[in-house]
Amino acid sequence: MANYYCENCGAKNSSVAGLTSGNCKNHPNGTFKGKHQLYEGTEKSQYTCKLCGTKNSSIAGLTSGNCKNHPNGTFKGKHQPAK
């Protein structure tokens, strides 16, 4: 069975519909101000931030931290997983 993940917070669901129906704590518009967005990459043993290269074993772990190279400013946004 496949798992689907939110690219902003790492939430996991067994269906795309189930995932994208929920509000996301790390949504770019603000906390819970938008739906989960589907991570379109594959499941990996290590996820890398596409902005700064930080690595973590889960999307949730990666996106919990602020990124030094975020477009909104240094540490003014979360890490973003590369596909």
N, C-alpha and C. Protein backbone atom coordinates (compact mmCIF):
# COMPACT_ATOMS: atom_id res chain seq x y z
N MET A 1 0.84 -1.17 0.00
CA MET A 1 0.00 0.00 0.00
C MET A 1 0.89 1.24 0.00
N ALA A 2 0.57 2.17 -0.86
CA ALA A 2 1.35 3.40 -0.97
C ALA A 2 0.94 4.40 0.10
N ASN A 3 1.89 5.21 0.50
CA ASN A 3 1.62 6.32 1.41
C ASN A 3 1.80 7.62 0.64
N TYR A 4 1.01 8.61 1.00
CA TYR A 4 1.10 9.92 0.38
C TYR A 4 1.41 10.92 1.49
N TYR A 5 2.27 11.88 1.17
CA TYR A 5 2.77 12.82 2.16
C TYR A 5 2.51 14.26 1.75
N CYS A 6 2.35 15.12 2.74
CA CYS A 6 2.25 16.57 2.50
C CYS A 6 3.66 17.12 2.38
N GLU A 7 3.90 17.91 1.34
CA GLU A 7 5.24 18.47 1.15
C GLU A 7 5.57 19.58 2.14
N ASN A 8 4.57 20.11 2.82
CA ASN A 8 4.81 21.20 3.76
C ASN A 8 5.01 20.76 5.20
N CYS A 9 4.38 19.65 5.59
CA CYS A 9 4.47 19.24 6.99
C CYS A 9 4.80 17.76 7.19
N GLY A 10 4.71 16.96 6.12
CA GLY A 10 5.03 15.55 6.23
C GLY A 10 3.88 14.68 6.69
N ALA A 11 2.67 15.25 6.82
CA ALA A 11 1.52 14.43 7.20
C ALA A 11 1.40 13.28 6.20
N LYS A 12 0.96 12.11 6.71
CA LYS A 12 0.90 10.91 5.88
C LYS A 12 -0.54 10.41 5.81
N ASN A 13 -0.93 9.91 4.62
CA ASN A 13 -2.25 9.32 4.45
C ASN A 13 -2.15 8.24 3.39
N SER A 14 -3.06 7.28 3.44
CA SER A 14 -3.04 6.20 2.45
C SER A 14 -3.75 6.57 1.15
N SER A 15 -4.37 7.75 1.09
CA SER A 15 -4.99 8.21 -0.15
C SER A 15 -4.72 9.69 -0.37
N VAL A 16 -4.66 10.09 -1.62
CA VAL A 16 -4.45 11.50 -1.95
C VAL A 16 -5.63 12.31 -1.46
N ALA A 17 -6.84 11.81 -1.68
CA ALA A 17 -8.05 12.52 -1.26
C ALA A 17 -8.06 12.74 0.25
N GLY A 18 -7.69 11.71 1.00
CA GLY A 18 -7.64 11.84 2.45
C GLY A 18 -6.61 12.86 2.90
N LEU A 19 -5.46 12.85 2.25
CA LEU A 19 -4.40 13.79 2.60
C LEU A 19 -4.81 15.23 2.30
N THR A 20 -5.26 15.47 1.09
CA THR A 20 -5.53 16.84 0.65
C THR A 20 -6.83 17.42 1.20
N SER A 21 -7.59 16.63 1.97
CA SER A 21 -8.81 17.16 2.58
C SER A 21 -8.52 17.84 3.91
N GLY A 22 -7.35 17.60 4.47
CA GLY A 22 -7.02 18.17 5.78
C GLY A 22 -6.24 19.47 5.69
N ASN A 23 -6.37 20.31 6.72
CA ASN A 23 -5.62 21.56 6.78
C ASN A 23 -4.21 21.32 7.31
N CYS A 24 -3.26 22.09 6.79
CA CYS A 24 -1.84 21.90 7.06
C CYS A 24 -1.31 22.92 8.06
N LYS A 25 -0.57 22.41 9.06
CA LYS A 25 0.02 23.30 10.07
C LYS A 25 1.15 24.16 9.52
N ASN A 26 1.78 23.73 8.42
CA ASN A 26 2.89 24.49 7.83
C ASN A 26 2.51 25.11 6.48
N HIS A 27 1.24 25.34 6.24
CA HIS A 27 0.82 25.86 4.93
C HIS A 27 1.46 27.23 4.68
N PRO A 28 1.89 27.50 3.42
CA PRO A 28 2.51 28.78 3.11
C PRO A 28 1.65 30.01 3.42
N ASN A 29 0.32 29.86 3.42
CA ASN A 29 -0.56 30.99 3.73
C ASN A 29 -0.72 31.22 5.23
N GLY A 30 -0.21 30.30 6.05
CA GLY A 30 -0.30 30.41 7.49
C GLY A 30 -0.76 29.11 8.11
N THR A 31 -0.61 28.99 9.41
CA THR A 31 -0.96 27.77 10.12
C THR A 31 -2.43 27.43 9.92
N PHE A 32 -2.68 26.24 9.35
CA PHE A 32 -4.02 25.72 9.08
C PHE A 32 -4.85 26.63 8.17
N LYS A 33 -4.20 27.45 7.33
CA LYS A 33 -4.92 28.35 6.42
C LYS A 33 -4.96 27.81 5.00
N GLY A 34 -4.74 26.52 4.86
CA GLY A 34 -4.80 25.88 3.56
C GLY A 34 -4.67 24.38 3.72
N LYS A 35 -4.98 23.65 2.66
CA LYS A 35 -4.97 22.19 2.69
C LYS A 35 -3.56 21.64 2.53
N HIS A 36 -3.40 20.38 2.93
CA HIS A 36 -2.13 19.69 2.69
C HIS A 36 -1.88 19.67 1.18
N GLN A 37 -0.61 19.78 0.81
CA GLN A 37 -0.22 19.74 -0.59
C GLN A 37 0.60 18.47 -0.82
N LEU A 38 0.28 17.76 -1.87
CA LEU A 38 0.89 16.47 -2.15
C LEU A 38 2.38 16.60 -2.48
N TYR A 39 3.20 15.83 -1.78
CA TYR A 39 4.62 15.68 -2.12
C TYR A 39 4.68 14.71 -3.28
N GLU A 40 5.22 15.14 -4.41
CA GLU A 40 5.19 14.33 -5.62
C GLU A 40 6.45 13.51 -5.85
N GLY A 41 7.37 13.55 -4.92
CA GLY A 41 8.57 12.72 -5.02
C GLY A 41 8.30 11.32 -4.51
N THR A 42 9.33 10.50 -4.53
CA THR A 42 9.20 9.12 -4.06
C THR A 42 9.58 9.01 -2.59
N GLU A 43 9.14 7.93 -1.94
CA GLU A 43 9.57 7.69 -0.57
C GLU A 43 11.07 7.40 -0.57
N LYS A 44 11.78 7.98 0.38
CA LYS A 44 13.24 7.86 0.43
C LYS A 44 13.68 7.56 1.86
N SER A 45 14.91 7.12 2.00
CA SER A 45 15.46 6.93 3.34
C SER A 45 16.00 8.25 3.89
N GLN A 46 16.22 9.22 3.03
CA GLN A 46 16.77 10.52 3.41
C GLN A 46 16.14 11.60 2.52
N TYR A 47 15.61 12.65 3.12
CA TYR A 47 15.03 13.77 2.38
C TYR A 47 15.95 14.97 2.50
N THR A 48 16.07 15.73 1.42
CA THR A 48 16.98 16.88 1.37
C THR A 48 16.20 18.15 1.09
N CYS A 49 16.51 19.23 1.81
CA CYS A 49 15.90 20.53 1.54
C CYS A 49 16.44 21.05 0.22
N LYS A 50 15.53 21.44 -0.68
CA LYS A 50 15.95 21.94 -1.99
C LYS A 50 16.54 23.34 -1.93
N LEU A 51 16.43 24.00 -0.79
CA LEU A 51 16.95 25.36 -0.67
C LEU A 51 18.34 25.43 -0.03
N CYS A 52 18.61 24.50 0.92
CA CYS A 52 19.88 24.62 1.64
C CYS A 52 20.66 23.31 1.77
N GLY A 53 20.04 22.17 1.43
CA GLY A 53 20.75 20.90 1.49
C GLY A 53 20.67 20.16 2.81
N THR A 54 19.95 20.70 3.80
CA THR A 54 19.77 20.00 5.07
C THR A 54 19.09 18.67 4.80
N LYS A 55 19.47 17.63 5.55
CA LYS A 55 18.91 16.29 5.35
C LYS A 55 18.19 15.82 6.60
N ASN A 56 17.16 14.97 6.39
CA ASN A 56 16.45 14.35 7.50
C ASN A 56 15.85 13.04 7.01
N SER A 57 15.59 12.13 7.92
CA SER A 57 15.06 10.82 7.54
C SER A 57 13.55 10.84 7.27
N SER A 58 12.88 11.96 7.55
CA SER A 58 11.45 12.07 7.27
C SER A 58 11.12 13.47 6.77
N ILE A 59 10.03 13.57 6.02
CA ILE A 59 9.57 14.88 5.57
C ILE A 59 9.13 15.71 6.77
N ALA A 60 8.44 15.06 7.71
CA ALA A 60 7.98 15.77 8.91
C ALA A 60 9.16 16.35 9.68
N GLY A 61 10.22 15.58 9.83
CA GLY A 61 11.41 16.07 10.52
C GLY A 61 12.08 17.21 9.79
N LEU A 62 12.15 17.07 8.47
CA LEU A 62 12.79 18.11 7.65
C LEU A 62 11.99 19.42 7.71
N THR A 63 10.69 19.33 7.51
CA THR A 63 9.86 20.53 7.43
C THR A 63 9.54 21.14 8.78
N SER A 64 9.99 20.53 9.86
CA SER A 64 9.77 21.12 11.18
C SER A 64 10.78 22.23 11.47
N GLY A 65 11.86 22.25 10.70
CA GLY A 65 12.90 23.26 10.94
C GLY A 65 12.84 24.42 9.97
N ASN A 66 13.30 25.58 10.42
CA ASN A 66 13.37 26.76 9.56
C ASN A 66 14.64 26.73 8.72
N CYS A 67 14.53 27.24 7.50
CA CYS A 67 15.61 27.19 6.53
C CYS A 67 16.38 28.50 6.44
N LYS A 68 17.71 28.38 6.47
CA LYS A 68 18.55 29.57 6.38
C LYS A 68 18.50 30.24 5.01
N ASN A 69 18.09 29.49 3.98
CA ASN A 69 18.04 30.04 2.62
C ASN A 69 16.61 30.25 2.11
N HIS A 70 15.65 30.36 3.00
CA HIS A 70 14.25 30.48 2.59
C HIS A 70 14.03 31.79 1.82
N PRO A 71 13.20 31.75 0.76
CA PRO A 71 12.93 32.96 -0.04
C PRO A 71 12.33 34.12 0.76
N ASN A 72 11.63 33.84 1.86
CA ASN A 72 11.05 34.90 2.68
C ASN A 72 12.07 35.57 3.59
N GLY A 73 13.28 35.02 3.65
CA GLY A 73 14.33 35.55 4.49
C GLY A 73 14.96 34.46 5.33
N THR A 74 16.12 34.73 5.88
CA THR A 74 16.86 33.77 6.68
C THR A 74 16.01 33.27 7.85
N PHE A 75 15.76 31.96 7.87
CA PHE A 75 14.98 31.29 8.91
C PHE A 75 13.54 31.81 9.03
N LYS A 76 12.99 32.38 7.95
CA LYS A 76 11.62 32.90 7.97
C LYS A 76 10.64 31.97 7.25
N GLY A 77 11.04 30.73 7.06
CA GLY A 77 10.19 29.73 6.45
C GLY A 77 10.78 28.35 6.66
N LYS A 78 10.00 27.33 6.41
CA LYS A 78 10.41 25.95 6.66
C LYS A 78 11.25 25.38 5.51
N HIS A 79 12.00 24.32 5.83
CA HIS A 79 12.72 23.58 4.80
C HIS A 79 11.72 23.01 3.80
N GLN A 80 12.11 22.87 2.55
CA GLN A 80 11.25 22.34 1.50
C GLN A 80 11.91 21.11 0.89
N PRO A 81 11.21 19.96 0.92
CA PRO A 81 11.83 18.73 0.42
C PRO A 81 12.00 18.75 -1.10
N ALA A 82 13.17 18.31 -1.55
CA ALA A 82 13.41 18.14 -2.99
C ALA A 82 12.65 16.91 -3.45
N LYS A 83 12.23 16.91 -4.68
CA LYS A 83 11.46 15.78 -5.22
C LYS A 83 12.31 14.57 -5.40
